[in-house]
PDB file of N, CA and C in Angstrom:
ATOM      1  N   MET A   1     -55.159-188.577  52.608  1.00  0.00           N
ATOM      2  CA  MET A   1     -54.921-190.000  52.436  1.00  0.00           C
ATOM      3  C   MET A   1     -53.445-190.264  52.194  1.00  0.00           C
ATOM      4  N   GLU A   2     -52.785-189.367  51.503  1.00  0.00           N
ATOM      5  CA  GLU A   2     -51.352-189.501  51.241  1.00  0.00           C
ATOM      6  C   GLU A   2     -50.564-189.471  52.550  1.00  0.00           C
ATOM      7  N   ASP A   3     -50.978-188.602  53.483  1.00  0.00           N
ATOM      8  CA  ASP A   3     -50.302-188.522  54.775  1.00  0.00           C
ATOM      9  C   ASP A   3     -50.428-189.840  55.546  1.00  0.00           C
ATOM     10  N   PHE A   4     -51.582-190.467  55.467  1.00  0.00           N
ATOM     11  CA  PHE A   4     -51.794-191.727  56.161  1.00  0.00           C
ATOM     12  C   PHE A   4     -50.917-192.817  55.578  1.00  0.00           C
ATOM     13  N   ARG A   5     -50.774-192.846  54.246  1.00  0.00           N
ATOM     14  CA  ARG A   5     -49.928-193.840  53.590  1.00  0.00           C
ATOM     15  C   ARG A   5     -48.468-193.655  54.009  1.00  0.00           C
ATOM     16  N   VAL A   6     -48.004-192.429  54.070  1.00  0.00           N
ATOM     17  CA  VAL A   6     -46.628-192.146  54.495  1.00  0.00           C
ATOM     18  C   VAL A   6     -46.437-192.571  55.952  1.00  0.00           C
ATOM     19  N   PHE A   7     -47.437-192.265  56.775  1.00  0.00           N
ATOM     20  CA  PHE A   7     -47.377-192.669  58.177  1.00  0.00           C
ATOM     21  C   PHE A   7     -47.247-194.185  58.292  1.00  0.00           C
ATOM     22  N   LEU A   8     -48.065-194.943  57.550  1.00  0.00           N
ATOM     23  CA  LEU A   8     -48.005-196.397  57.605  1.00  0.00           C
ATOM     24  C   LEU A   8     -46.658-196.929  57.126  1.00  0.00           C
ATOM     25  N   GLU A   9     -46.098-196.338  56.074  1.00  0.00           N
ATOM     26  CA  GLU A   9     -44.800-196.782  55.583  1.00  0.00           C
ATOM     27  C   GLU A   9     -43.708-196.556  56.628  1.00  0.00           C
ATOM     28  N   GLN A  10     -43.810-195.460  57.362  1.00  0.00           N
ATOM     29  CA  GLN A  10     -42.800-195.167  58.378  1.00  0.00           C
ATOM     30  C   GLN A  10     -42.969-196.054  59.608  1.00  0.00           C
ATOM     31  N   GLN A  11     -44.206-196.368  59.944  1.00  0.00           N
ATOM     32  CA  GLN A  11     -44.471-197.124  61.166  1.00  0.00           C
ATOM     33  C   GLN A  11     -44.585-198.629  60.940  1.00  0.00           C
ATOM     34  N   ALA A  12     -44.502-199.101  59.706  1.00  0.00           N
ATOM     35  CA  ALA A  12     -44.687-200.521  59.417  1.00  0.00           C
ATOM     36  C   ALA A  12     -43.731-201.415  60.198  1.00  0.00           C
ATOM     37  N   PRO A  13     -42.429-201.105  60.270  1.00  0.00           N
ATOM     38  CA  PRO A  13     -41.556-202.007  61.040  1.00  0.00           C
ATOM     39  C   PRO A  13     -41.963-202.098  62.512  1.00  0.00           C
ATOM     40  N   LEU A  14     -42.362-200.982  63.078  1.00  0.00           N
ATOM     41  CA  LEU A  14     -42.790-200.978  64.469  1.00  0.00           C
ATOM     42  C   LEU A  14     -44.071-201.793  64.641  1.00  0.00           C
ATOM     43  N   LEU A  15     -45.027-201.597  63.738  1.00  0.00           N
ATOM     44  CA  LEU A  15     -46.282-202.333  63.834  1.00  0.00           C
ATOM     45  C   LEU A  15     -46.073-203.823  63.587  1.00  0.00           C
ATOM     46  N   LEU A  16     -45.204-204.175  62.668  1.00  0.00           N
ATOM     47  CA  LEU A  16     -44.943-205.588  62.405  1.00  0.00           C
ATOM     48  C   LEU A  16     -44.242-206.239  63.589  1.00  0.00           C
ATOM     49  N   THR A  17     -43.404-205.484  64.269  1.00  0.00           N
ATOM     50  CA  THR A  17     -42.676-206.042  65.402  1.00  0.00           C
ATOM     51  C   THR A  17     -43.558-206.161  66.634  1.00  0.00           C
ATOM     52  N   TYR A  18     -44.262-205.090  66.980  1.00  0.00           N
ATOM     53  CA  TYR A  18     -45.006-205.056  68.229  1.00  0.00           C
ATOM     54  C   TYR A  18     -46.514-205.215  68.066  1.00  0.00           C
ATOM     55  N   GLY A  19     -47.012-205.215  66.849  1.00  0.00           N
ATOM     56  CA  GLY A  19     -48.449-205.332  66.622  1.00  0.00           C
ATOM     57  C   GLY A  19     -49.060-206.583  67.223  1.00  0.00           C
ATOM     58  N   PRO A  20     -48.493-207.784  66.973  1.00  0.00           N
ATOM     59  CA  PRO A  20     -49.075-208.993  67.573  1.00  0.00           C
ATOM     60  C   PRO A  20     -49.053-208.964  69.101  1.00  0.00           C
ATOM     61  N   LEU A  21     -47.999-208.410  69.681  1.00  0.00           N
ATOM     62  CA  LEU A  21     -47.929-208.319  71.135  1.00  0.00           C
ATOM     63  C   LEU A  21     -49.005-207.379  71.673  1.00  0.00           C
ATOM     64  N   LEU A  22     -49.150-206.232  71.043  1.00  0.00           N
ATOM     65  CA  LEU A  22     -50.179-205.291  71.479  1.00  0.00           C
ATOM     66  C   LEU A  22     -51.574-205.893  71.337  1.00  0.00           C
ATOM     67  N   LEU A  23     -51.810-206.596  70.241  1.00  0.00           N
ATOM     68  CA  LEU A  23     -53.100-207.242  70.029  1.00  0.00           C
ATOM     69  C   LEU A  23     -53.358-208.286  71.121  1.00  0.00           C
ATOM     70  N   ALA A  24     -52.349-209.072  71.464  1.00  0.00           N
ATOM     71  CA  ALA A  24     -52.510-210.085  72.509  1.00  0.00           C
ATOM     72  C   ALA A  24     -52.803-209.437  73.858  1.00  0.00           C
ATOM     73  N   ILE A  25     -52.138-208.324  74.154  1.00  0.00           N
ATOM     74  CA  ILE A  25     -52.376-207.638  75.422  1.00  0.00           C
ATOM     75  C   ILE A  25     -53.797-207.107  75.485  1.00  0.00           C
ATOM     76  N   VAL A  26     -54.251-206.480  74.412  1.00  0.00           N
ATOM     77  CA  VAL A  26     -55.605-205.920  74.390  1.00  0.00           C
ATOM     78  C   VAL A  26     -56.648-207.035  74.494  1.00  0.00           C
ATOM     79  N   LEU A  27     -56.456-208.123  73.737  1.00  0.00           N
ATOM     80  CA  LEU A  27     -57.416-209.225  73.808  1.00  0.00           C
ATOM     81  C   LEU A  27     -57.405-209.882  75.184  1.00  0.00           C
ATOM     82  N   GLY A  28     -56.219-210.041  75.779  1.00  0.00           N
ATOM     83  CA  GLY A  28     -56.133-210.614  77.119  1.00  0.00           C
ATOM     84  C   GLY A  28     -56.834-209.753  78.146  1.00  0.00           C
ATOM     85  N   TYR A  29     -56.662-208.453  78.028  1.00  0.00           N
ATOM     86  CA  TYR A  29     -57.327-207.524  78.941  1.00  0.00           C
ATOM     87  C   TYR A  29     -58.842-207.623  78.790  1.00  0.00           C
ATOM     88  N   MET A  30     -59.314-207.627  77.546  1.00  0.00           N
ATOM     89  CA  MET A  30     -60.754-207.704  77.311  1.00  0.00           C
ATOM     90  C   MET A  30     -61.323-209.026  77.809  1.00  0.00           C
ATOM     91  N   LEU A  31     -60.608-210.113  77.579  1.00  0.00           N
ATOM     92  CA  LEU A  31     -61.069-211.415  78.040  1.00  0.00           C
ATOM     93  C   LEU A  31     -61.105-211.459  79.561  1.00  0.00           C
ATOM     94  N   GLY A  32     -60.085-210.908  80.201  1.00  0.00           N
ATOM     95  CA  GLY A  32     -60.060-210.863  81.660  1.00  0.00           C
ATOM     96  C   GLY A  32     -61.193-210.046  82.231  1.00  0.00           C
ATOM     97  N   LYS A  33     -61.494-208.918  81.597  1.00  0.00           N
ATOM     98  CA  LYS A  33     -62.596-208.080  82.060  1.00  0.00           C
ATOM     99  C   LYS A  33     -63.932-208.805  81.915  1.00  0.00           C
ATOM    100  N   SER A  34     -64.115-209.506  80.789  1.00  0.00           N
ATOM    101  CA  SER A  34     -65.393-210.189  80.578  1.00  0.00           C
ATOM    102  C   SER A  34     -65.553-211.348  81.554  1.00  0.00           C
ATOM    103  N   ARG A  35     -64.464-212.054  81.864  1.00  0.00           N
ATOM    104  CA  ARG A  35     -64.553-213.145  82.837  1.00  0.00           C
ATOM    105  C   ARG A  35     -64.776-212.611  84.238  1.00  0.00           C
ATOM    106  N   ALA A  36     -64.156-211.495  84.562  1.00  0.00           N
ATOM    107  CA  ALA A  36     -64.308-210.920  85.904  1.00  0.00           C
ATOM    108  C   ALA A  36     -65.736-210.462  86.132  1.00  0.00           C
ATOM    109  N   SER A  37     -66.331-209.853  85.120  1.00  0.00           N
ATOM    110  CA  SER A  37     -67.704-209.384  85.297  1.00  0.00           C
ATOM    111  C   SER A  37     -68.679-210.558  85.351  1.00  0.00           C
ATOM    112  N   GLY A  38     -68.386-211.640  84.652  1.00  0.00           N
ATOM    113  CA  GLY A  38     -69.252-212.814  84.678  1.00  0.00           C
ATOM    114  C   GLY A  38     -69.118-213.597  85.963  1.00  0.00           C
ATOM    115  N   SER A  39     -67.942-213.557  86.594  1.00  0.00           N
ATOM    116  CA  SER A  39     -67.728-214.351  87.795  1.00  0.00           C
ATOM    117  C   SER A  39     -68.314-213.695  89.032  1.00  0.00           C
ATOM    118  N   GLN A  40     -68.735-212.435  88.950  1.00  0.00           N
ATOM    119  CA  GLN A  40     -69.350-211.793  90.099  1.00  0.00           C
ATOM    120  C   GLN A  40     -70.724-212.377  90.370  1.00  0.00           C
ATOM    121  N   ASP A  41     -71.391-212.801  89.313  1.00  0.00           N
ATOM    122  CA  ASP A  41     -72.733-213.354  89.480  1.00  0.00           C
ATOM    123  C   ASP A  41     -72.692-214.762  90.058  1.00  0.00           C
ATOM    124  N   ALA A  42     -71.812-215.584  89.539  1.00  0.00           N
ATOM    125  CA  ALA A  42     -71.730-216.972  89.986  1.00  0.00           C
ATOM    126  C   ALA A  42     -70.519-217.123  90.905  1.00  0.00           C
ATOM    127  N   GLU A  43     -70.772-217.445  92.145  1.00  0.00           N
ATOM    128  CA  GLU A  43     -69.687-217.603  93.110  1.00  0.00           C
ATOM    129  C   GLU A  43     -69.013-218.949  92.876  1.00  0.00           C
ATOM    130  N   ARG A  44     -67.726-218.912  92.566  1.00  0.00           N
ATOM    131  CA  ARG A  44     -66.984-220.143  92.340  1.00  0.00           C
ATOM    132  C   ARG A  44     -66.480-220.680  93.670  1.00  0.00           C
ATOM    133  N   PRO A  45     -66.427-222.015  93.808  1.00  0.00           N
ATOM    134  CA  PRO A  45     -65.869-222.572  95.049  1.00  0.00           C
ATOM    135  C   PRO A  45     -64.377-222.288  95.117  1.00  0.00           C
ATOM    136  N   LYS A  46     -63.916-221.978  96.302  1.00  0.00           N
ATOM    137  CA  LYS A  46     -62.514-221.651  96.474  1.00  0.00           C
ATOM    138  C   LYS A  46     -61.736-222.896  96.847  1.00  0.00           C
ATOM    139  N   ALA A  47     -60.480-222.941  96.414  1.00  0.00           N
ATOM    140  CA  ALA A  47     -59.626-224.068  96.752  1.00  0.00           C
ATOM    141  C   ALA A  47     -59.317-224.034  98.241  1.00  0.00           C
ATOM    142  N   PRO A  48     -59.236-225.187  98.871  1.00  0.00           N
ATOM    143  CA  PRO A  48     -58.930-225.195 100.299  1.00  0.00           C
ATOM    144  C   PRO A  48     -57.507-224.694 100.539  1.00  0.00           C
ATOM    145  N   LEU A  49     -57.326-223.976 101.634  1.00  0.00           N
ATOM    146  CA  LEU A  49     -56.006-223.460 101.961  1.00  0.00           C
ATOM    147  C   LEU A  49     -55.153-224.572 102.552  1.00  0.00           C
ATOM    148  N   LEU A  50     -53.876-224.560 102.182  1.00  0.00           N
ATOM    149  CA  LEU A  50     -52.958-225.513 102.785  1.00  0.00           C
ATOM    150  C   LEU A  50     -52.661-225.062 104.209  1.00  0.00           C
ATOM    151  N   ARG A  51     -52.716-225.961 105.119  1.00  0.00           N
ATOM    152  CA  ARG A  51     -52.496-225.618 106.518  1.00  0.00           C
ATOM    153  C   ARG A  51     -51.088-225.998 106.977  1.00  0.00           C
ATOM    154  N   ARG A  52     -50.298-226.553 106.087  1.00  0.00           N
ATOM    155  CA  ARG A  52     -48.947-226.953 106.436  1.00  0.00           C
ATOM    156  C   ARG A  52     -47.954-226.227 105.556  1.00  0.00           C
ATOM    157  N   SER A  53     -46.775-226.047 106.074  1.00  0.00           N
ATOM    158  CA  SER A  53     -45.731-225.425 105.268  1.00  0.00           C
ATOM    159  C   SER A  53     -45.209-226.444 104.266  1.00  0.00           C
ATOM    160  N   SER A  54     -44.545-225.949 103.232  1.00  0.00           N
ATOM    161  CA  SER A  54     -44.031-226.845 102.209  1.00  0.00           C
ATOM    162  C   SER A  54     -42.984-227.784 102.773  1.00  0.00           C
ATOM    163  N   SER A  55     -42.209-227.346 103.777  1.00  0.00           N
ATOM    164  CA  SER A  55     -41.200-228.233 104.361  1.00  0.00           C
ATOM    165  C   SER A  55     -41.877-229.376 105.120  1.00  0.00           C
ATOM    166  N   GLU A  56     -43.021-229.089 105.789  1.00  0.00           N
ATOM    167  CA  GLU A  56     -43.741-230.160 106.473  1.00  0.00           C
ATOM    168  C   GLU A  56     -44.297-231.160 105.475  1.00  0.00           C
ATOM    169  N   LEU A  57     -44.827-230.652 104.356  1.00  0.00           N
ATOM    170  CA  LEU A  57     -45.345-231.558 103.340  1.00  0.00           C
ATOM    171  C   LEU A  57     -44.230-232.395 102.752  1.00  0.00           C
ATOM    172  N   LEU A  58     -43.075-231.768 102.513  1.00  0.00           N
ATOM    173  CA  LEU A  58     -41.943-232.490 101.963  1.00  0.00           C
ATOM    174  C   LEU A  58     -41.512-233.584 102.929  1.00  0.00           C
ATOM    175  N   LEU A  59     -41.459-233.257 104.229  1.00  0.00           N
ATOM    176  CA  LEU A  59     -41.078-234.257 105.216  1.00  0.00           C
ATOM    177  C   LEU A  59     -42.107-235.382 105.297  1.00  0.00           C
ATOM    178  N   GLN A  60     -43.378-235.022 105.199  1.00  0.00           N
ATOM    179  CA  GLN A  60     -44.433-236.017 105.280  1.00  0.00           C
ATOM    180  C   GLN A  60     -44.371-236.983 104.104  1.00  0.00           C
ATOM    181  N   GLU A  61     -44.096-236.459 102.913  1.00  0.00           N
ATOM    182  CA  GLU A  61     -44.102-237.282 101.717  1.00  0.00           C
ATOM    183  C   GLU A  61     -42.814-238.069 101.546  1.00  0.00           C
ATOM    184  N   SER A  62     -41.768-237.690 102.263  1.00  0.00           N
ATOM    185  CA  SER A  62     -40.478-238.337 102.078  1.00  0.00           C
ATOM    186  C   SER A  62     -40.307-239.486 103.054  1.00  0.00           C
ATOM    187  N   ASN A  63     -39.824-240.592 102.574  1.00  0.00           N
ATOM    188  CA  ASN A  63     -39.487-241.721 103.428  1.00  0.00           C
ATOM    189  C   ASN A  63     -37.998-241.756 103.690  1.00  0.00           C
ATOM    190  N   ASP A  64     -37.271-240.807 103.130  1.00  0.00           N
ATOM    191  CA  ASP A  64     -35.824-240.758 103.234  1.00  0.00           C
ATOM    192  C   ASP A  64     -35.433-240.212 104.603  1.00  0.00           C
ATOM    193  N   ALA A  65     -34.613-240.947 105.343  1.00  0.00           N
ATOM    194  CA  ALA A  65     -34.235-240.545 106.697  1.00  0.00           C
ATOM    195  C   ALA A  65     -33.384-239.280 106.704  1.00  0.00           C
ATOM    196  N   SER A  66     -32.664-238.998 105.627  1.00  0.00           N
ATOM    197  CA  SER A  66     -31.796-237.823 105.612  1.00  0.00           C
ATOM    198  C   SER A  66     -32.599-236.522 105.601  1.00  0.00           C
ATOM    199  N   MET A  67     -33.876-236.585 105.266  1.00  0.00           N
ATOM    200  CA  MET A  67     -34.702-235.384 105.253  1.00  0.00           C
ATOM    201  C   MET A  67     -35.063-234.939 106.670  1.00  0.00           C
ATOM    202  N   ASP A  68     -34.881-235.812 107.681  1.00  0.00           N
ATOM    203  CA  ASP A  68     -35.185-235.447 109.057  1.00  0.00           C
ATOM    204  C   ASP A  68     -34.285-234.331 109.570  1.00  0.00           C
ATOM    205  N   VAL A  69     -33.194-234.087 108.906  1.00  0.00           N
ATOM    206  CA  VAL A  69     -32.268-233.028 109.281  1.00  0.00           C
ATOM    207  C   VAL A  69     -32.974-231.676 109.260  1.00  0.00           C
ATOM    208  N   PHE A  70     -33.879-231.460 108.317  1.00  0.00           N
ATOM    209  CA  PHE A  70     -34.533-230.166 108.147  1.00  0.00           C
ATOM    210  C   PHE A  70     -35.641-229.925 109.173  1.00  0.00           C
ATOM    211  N   GLU A  71     -36.140-230.978 109.794  1.00  0.00           N
ATOM    212  CA  GLU A  71     -37.277-230.839 110.696  1.00  0.00           C
ATOM    213  C   GLU A  71     -36.949-229.965 111.906  1.00  0.00           C
ATOM    214  N   ASP A  72     -35.755-230.113 112.464  1.00  0.00           N
ATOM    215  CA  ASP A  72     -35.385-229.377 113.666  1.00  0.00           C
ATOM    216  C   ASP A  72     -34.494-228.184 113.373  1.00  0.00           C
ATOM    217  N   ALA A  73     -34.418-227.771 112.130  1.00  0.00           N
ATOM    218  CA  ALA A  73     -33.555-226.643 111.761  1.00  0.00           C
ATOM    219  C   ALA A  73     -34.123-225.360 112.346  1.00  0.00           C
ATOM    220  N   PRO A  74     -33.266-224.556 112.989  1.00  0.00           N
ATOM    221  CA  PRO A  74     -33.757-223.300 113.577  1.00  0.00           C
ATOM    222  C   PRO A  74     -34.030-222.261 112.497  1.00  0.00           C
ATOM    223  N   HIS A  75     -34.917-221.321 112.830  1.00  0.00           N
ATOM    224  CA  HIS A  75     -35.211-220.223 111.912  1.00  0.00           C
ATOM    225  C   HIS A  75     -34.031-219.251 111.923  1.00  0.00           C
ATOM    226  N   VAL A  76     -33.591-218.854 110.743  1.00  0.00           N
ATOM    227  CA  VAL A  76     -32.492-217.902 110.627  1.00  0.00           C
ATOM    228  C   VAL A  76     -33.066-216.595 110.100  1.00  0.00           C
ATOM    229  N   PRO A  77     -33.102-215.546 110.930  1.00  0.00           N
ATOM    230  CA  PRO A  77     -33.669-214.280 110.463  1.00  0.00           C
ATOM    231  C   PRO A  77     -32.790-213.640 109.402  1.00  0.00           C
ATOM    232  N   TYR A  78     -33.427-212.888 108.515  1.00  0.00           N
ATOM    233  CA  TYR A  78     -32.708-212.199 107.436  1.00  0.00           C
ATOM    234  C   TYR A  78     -31.964-211.003 108.003  1.00  0.00           C
ATOM    235  N   GLN A  79     -30.693-210.894 107.660  1.00  0.00           N
ATOM    236  CA  GLN A  79     -29.895-209.746 108.055  1.00  0.00           C
ATOM    237  C   GLN A  79     -29.364-209.096 106.788  1.00  0.00           C
ATOM    238  N   GLN A  80     -29.807-207.885 106.534  1.00  0.00           N
ATOM    239  CA  GLN A  80     -29.409-207.194 105.315  1.00  0.00           C
ATOM    240  C   GLN A  80     -27.964-206.718 105.433  1.00  0.00           C
ATOM    241  N   LEU A  81     -27.180-207.024 104.410  1.00  0.00           N
ATOM    242  CA  LEU A  81     -25.797-206.580 104.359  1.00  0.00           C
ATOM    243  C   LEU A  81     -25.723-205.275 103.577  1.00  0.00           C
ATOM    244  N   THR A  82     -24.931-204.347 104.058  1.00  0.00           N
ATOM    245  CA  THR A  82     -24.714-203.106 103.326  1.00  0.00           C
ATOM    246  C   THR A  82     -23.227-202.959 103.063  1.00  0.00           C
ATOM    247  N   PHE A  83     -22.907-202.397 101.918  1.00  0.00           N
ATOM    248  CA  PHE A  83     -21.520-202.262 101.498  1.00  0.00           C
ATOM    249  C   PHE A  83     -21.268-200.837 101.026  1.00  0.00           C
ATOM    250  N   SER A  84     -20.020-200.437 101.127  1.00  0.00           N
ATOM    251  CA  SER A  84     -19.624-199.130 100.601  1.00  0.00           C
ATOM    252  C   SER A  84     -19.646-199.198  99.074  1.00  0.00           C
ATOM    253  N   PRO A  85     -19.716-198.062  98.409  1.00  0.00           N
ATOM    254  CA  PRO A  85     -19.690-198.078  96.937  1.00  0.00           C
ATOM    255  C   PRO A  85     -18.453-198.771  96.372  1.00  0.00           C
ATOM    256  N   VAL A  86     -17.306-198.589  97.006  1.00  0.00           N
ATOM    257  CA  VAL A  86     -16.081-199.246  96.528  1.00  0.00           C
ATOM    258  C   VAL A  86     -16.204-200.762  96.663  1.00  0.00           C
ATOM    259  N   GLU A  87     -16.725-201.220  97.814  1.00  0.00           N
ATOM    260  CA  GLU A  87     -16.902-202.652  98.027  1.00  0.00           C
ATOM    261  C   GLU A  87     -17.947-203.225  97.069  1.00  0.00           C
ATOM    262  N   MET A  88     -19.029-202.483  96.814  1.00  0.00           N
ATOM    263  CA  MET A  88     -20.047-202.949  95.860  1.00  0.00           C
ATOM    264  C   MET A  88     -19.443-203.125  94.475  1.00  0.00           C
ATOM    265  N   GLU A  89     -18.607-202.162  94.063  1.00  0.00           N
ATOM    266  CA  GLU A  89     -17.987-202.248  92.743  1.00  0.00           C
ATOM    267  C   GLU A  89     -17.071-203.467  92.665  1.00  0.00           C
ATOM    268  N   LYS A  90     -16.278-203.694  93.724  1.00  0.00           N
ATOM    269  CA  LYS A  90     -15.371-204.843  93.730  1.00  0.00           C
ATOM    270  C   LYS A  90     -16.158-206.149  93.695  1.00  0.00           C
ATOM    271  N   ARG A  91     -17.195-206.250  94.529  1.00  0.00           N
ATOM    272  CA  ARG A  91     -17.999-207.477  94.578  1.00  0.00           C
ATOM    273  C   ARG A  91     -18.738-207.724  93.262  1.00  0.00           C
ATOM    274  N   SER A  92     -19.234-206.646  92.654  1.00  0.00           N
ATOM    275  CA  SER A  92     -19.938-206.814  91.376  1.00  0.00           C
ATOM    276  C   SER A  92     -18.971-207.271  90.289  1.00  0.00           C
ATOM    277  N   TRP A  93     -17.739-206.767  90.319  1.00  0.00           N
ATOM    278  CA  TRP A  93     -16.741-207.185  89.325  1.00  0.00           C
ATOM    279  C   TRP A  93     -16.359-208.652  89.548  1.00  0.00           C
ATOM    280  N   ASP A  94     -16.180-209.046  90.800  1.00  0.00           N
ATOM    281  CA  ASP A  94     -15.866-210.445  91.104  1.00  0.00           C
ATOM    282  C   ASP A  94     -17.001-211.357  90.649  1.00  0.00           C
ATOM    283  N   PHE A  95     -18.230-210.937  90.889  1.00  0.00           N
ATOM    284  CA  PHE A  95     -19.380-211.735  90.476  1.00  0.00           C
ATOM    285  C   PHE A  95     -19.448-211.834  88.948  1.00  0.00           C
ATOM    286  N   TYR A  96     -19.192-210.716  88.268  1.00  0.00           N
ATOM    287  CA  TYR A  96     -19.172-210.739  86.808  1.00  0.00           C
ATOM    288  C   TYR A  96     -18.135-211.732  86.298  1.00  0.00           C
ATOM    289  N   GLN A  97     -16.932-211.709  86.885  1.00  0.00           N
ATOM    290  CA  GLN A  97     -15.885-212.621  86.430  1.00  0.00           C
ATOM    291  C   GLN A  97     -16.278-214.074  86.661  1.00  0.00           C
ATOM    292  N   LEU A  98     -16.925-214.355  87.776  1.00  0.00           N
ATOM    293  CA  LEU A  98     -17.395-215.709  88.042  1.00  0.00           C
ATOM    294  C   LEU A  98     -18.460-216.129  87.023  1.00  0.00           C
ATOM    295  N   MET A  99     -19.431-215.260  86.773  1.00  0.00           N
ATOM    296  CA  MET A  99     -20.508-215.586  85.837  1.00  0.00           C
ATOM    297  C   MET A  99     -20.015-215.652  84.393  1.00  0.00           C
ATOM    298  N   ASP A 100     -18.970-214.891  84.091  1.00  0.00           N
ATOM    299  CA  ASP A 100     -18.443-214.891  82.733  1.00  0.00           C
ATOM    300  C   ASP A 100     -17.787-216.232  82.389  1.00  0.00           C
ATOM    301  N   ARG A 101     -17.395-216.991  83.394  1.00  0.00           N
ATOM    302  CA  ARG A 101     -16.783-218.304  83.149  1.00  0.00           C
ATOM    303  C   ARG A 101     -17.822-219.405  83.005  1.00  0.00           C
ATOM    304  N   ARG A 102     -19.064-219.117  83.363  1.00  0.00           N
ATOM    305  CA  ARG A 102     -20.106-220.145  83.292  1.00  0.00           C
ATOM    306  C   ARG A 102     -20.509-220.411  81.851  1.00  0.00           C
ATOM    307  N   ARG A 103     -20.851-221.622  81.565  1.00  0.00           N
ATOM    308  CA  ARG A 103     -21.311-222.021  80.238  1.00  0.00           C
ATOM    309  C   ARG A 103     -22.464-223.005  80.385  1.00  0.00           C
ATOM    310  N   SER A 104     -23.359-222.999  79.429  1.00  0.00           N
ATOM    311  CA  SER A 104     -24.441-223.978  79.406  1.00  0.00           C
ATOM    312  C   SER A 104     -23.887-225.306  78.916  1.00  0.00           C
ATOM    313  N   VAL A 105     -24.287-226.374  79.593  1.00  0.00           N
ATOM    314  CA  VAL A 105     -23.810-227.706  79.235  1.00  0.00           C
ATOM    315  C   VAL A 105     -25.021-228.553  78.897  1.00  0.00           C
ATOM    316  N   ARG A 106     -24.969-229.234  77.777  1.00  0.00           N
ATOM    317  CA  ARG A 106     -26.108-230.034  77.315  1.00  0.00           C
ATOM    318  C   ARG A 106     -25.833-231.535  77.417  1.00  0.00           C
ATOM    319  N   PHE A 107     -24.905-231.924  78.273  1.00  0.00           N
ATOM    320  CA  PHE A 107     -24.650-233.339  78.474  1.00  0.00           C
ATOM    321  C   PHE A 107     -24.416-233.572  79.961  1.00  0.00           C
ATOM    322  N   PHE A 108     -24.511-234.823  80.381  1.00  0.00           N
ATOM    323  CA  PHE A 108     -24.418-235.154  81.786  1.00  0.00           C
ATOM    324  C   PHE A 108     -23.297-236.147  82.005  1.00  0.00           C
ATOM    325  N   SER A 109     -22.739-236.114  83.196  1.00  0.00           N
ATOM    326  CA  SER A 109     -21.676-237.034  83.571  1.00  0.00           C
ATOM    327  C   SER A 109     -22.280-238.216  84.318  1.00  0.00           C
ATOM    328  N   ASP A 110     -21.619-239.351  84.249  1.00  0.00           N
ATOM    329  CA  ASP A 110     -22.082-240.519  85.003  1.00  0.00           C
ATOM    330  C   ASP A 110     -21.319-240.662  86.321  1.00  0.00           C
ATOM    331  N   LYS A 111     -20.526-239.658  86.680  1.00  0.00           N
ATOM    332  CA  LYS A 111     -19.791-239.694  87.945  1.00  0.00           C
ATOM    333  C   LYS A 111     -20.780-239.561  89.100  1.00  0.00           C
ATOM    334  N   PRO A 112     -20.591-240.331  90.162  1.00  0.00           N
ATOM    335  CA  PRO A 112     -21.493-240.216  91.311  1.00  0.00           C
ATOM    336  C   PRO A 112     -21.305-238.880  92.031  1.00  0.00           C
ATOM    337  N   VAL A 113     -22.417-238.381  92.586  1.00  0.00           N
ATOM    338  CA  VAL A 113     -22.391-237.136  93.346  1.00  0.00           C
ATOM    339  C   VAL A 113     -22.658-237.494  94.800  1.00  0.00           C
ATOM    340  N   PRO A 114     -21.803-237.043  95.727  1.00  0.00           N
ATOM    341  CA  PRO A 114     -22.026-237.361  97.144  1.00  0.00           C
ATOM    342  C   PRO A 114     -23.372-236.822  97.633  1.00  0.00           C
ATOM    343  N   ARG A 115     -24.028-237.588  98.482  1.00  0.00           N
ATOM    344  CA  ARG A 115     -25.341-237.215  98.999  1.00  0.00           C
ATOM    345  C   ARG A 115     -25.291-235.869  99.728  1.00  0.00           C
ATOM    346  N   GLU A 116     -24.190-235.593 100.438  1.00  0.00           N
ATOM    347  CA  GLU A 116     -24.055-234.331 101.165  1.00  0.00           C
ATOM    348  C   GLU A 116     -24.077-233.139 100.201  1.00  0.00           C
ATOM    349  N   VAL A 117     -23.506-233.282  99.021  1.00  0.00           N
ATOM    350  CA  VAL A 117     -23.524-232.207  98.017  1.00  0.00           C
ATOM    351  C   VAL A 117     -24.958-231.948  97.571  1.00  0.00           C
ATOM    352  N   ILE A 118     -25.706-233.001  97.327  1.00  0.00           N
ATOM    353  CA  ILE A 118     -27.108-232.859  96.913  1.00  0.00           C
ATOM    354  C   ILE A 118     -27.916-232.193  98.031  1.00  0.00           C
ATOM    355  N   ASP A 119     -27.686-232.615  99.282  1.00  0.00           N
ATOM    356  CA  ASP A 119     -28.394-231.997 100.414  1.00  0.00           C
ATOM    357  C   ASP A 119     -28.062-230.507 100.515  1.00  0.00           C
ATOM    358  N   ASN A 120     -26.803-230.146 100.312  1.00  0.00           N
ATOM    359  CA  ASN A 120     -26.405-228.723 100.380  1.00  0.00           C
ATOM    360  C   ASN A 120     -27.042-227.911  99.266  1.00  0.00           C
ATOM    361  N   ILE A 121     -27.170-228.494  98.079  1.00  0.00           N
ATOM    362  CA  ILE A 121     -27.828-227.803  96.962  1.00  0.00           C
ATOM    363  C   ILE A 121     -29.294-227.562  97.289  1.00  0.00           C
ATOM    364  N   ILE A 122     -29.939-228.559  97.883  1.00  0.00           N
ATOM    365  CA  ILE A 122     -31.344-228.405  98.264  1.00  0.00           C
ATOM    366  C   ILE A 122     -31.488-227.344  99.354  1.00  0.00           C
ATOM    367  N   ARG A 123     -30.572-227.338 100.333  1.00  0.00           N
ATOM    368  CA  ARG A 123     -30.597-226.308 101.375  1.00  0.00           C
ATOM    369  C   ARG A 123     -30.453-224.921 100.761  1.00  0.00           C
ATOM    370  N   THR A 124     -29.554-224.783  99.806  1.00  0.00           N
ATOM    371  CA  THR A 124     -29.332-223.496  99.165  1.00  0.00           C
ATOM    372  C   THR A 124     -30.578-223.028  98.431  1.00  0.00           C
ATOM    373  N   ALA A 125     -31.262-223.930  97.765  1.00  0.00           N
ATOM    374  CA  ALA A 125     -32.466-223.554  97.024  1.00  0.00           C
ATOM    375  C   ALA A 125     -33.601-223.190  97.974  1.00  0.00           C
ATOM    376  N   GLY A 126     -33.608-223.742  99.168  1.00  0.00           N
ATOM    377  CA  GLY A 126     -34.691-223.497 100.119  1.00  0.00           C
ATOM    378  C   GLY A 126     -34.498-222.198 100.811  1.00  0.00           C
TER     379      GLY A 126
END
């Protein structure tokens, strides 16, 4: 019993830190297993599949004429870029320096933003 007490004293910080997470994982796993076994008996209706791409839906829902630009956009295949180790190191350092200057901002400006800038941001995200 003394050995168990010593073990608990040594492991207490670890158990206090990760114990709730481990408990949540185990309970989530058990709950998922019980739901999976119960759902085999009762067949649930499946959601209908979307037959349109998200860009088609976006175009359909938008009344904005500037969105028509995306309708006829050609497909651009992915071309993987490869770099030498020296070039990778230089590019990673340049990227680090760029990201190191970034800061979170919790306020907004009332300056107008050109529509073309907004369109380019949307293109980049797509």
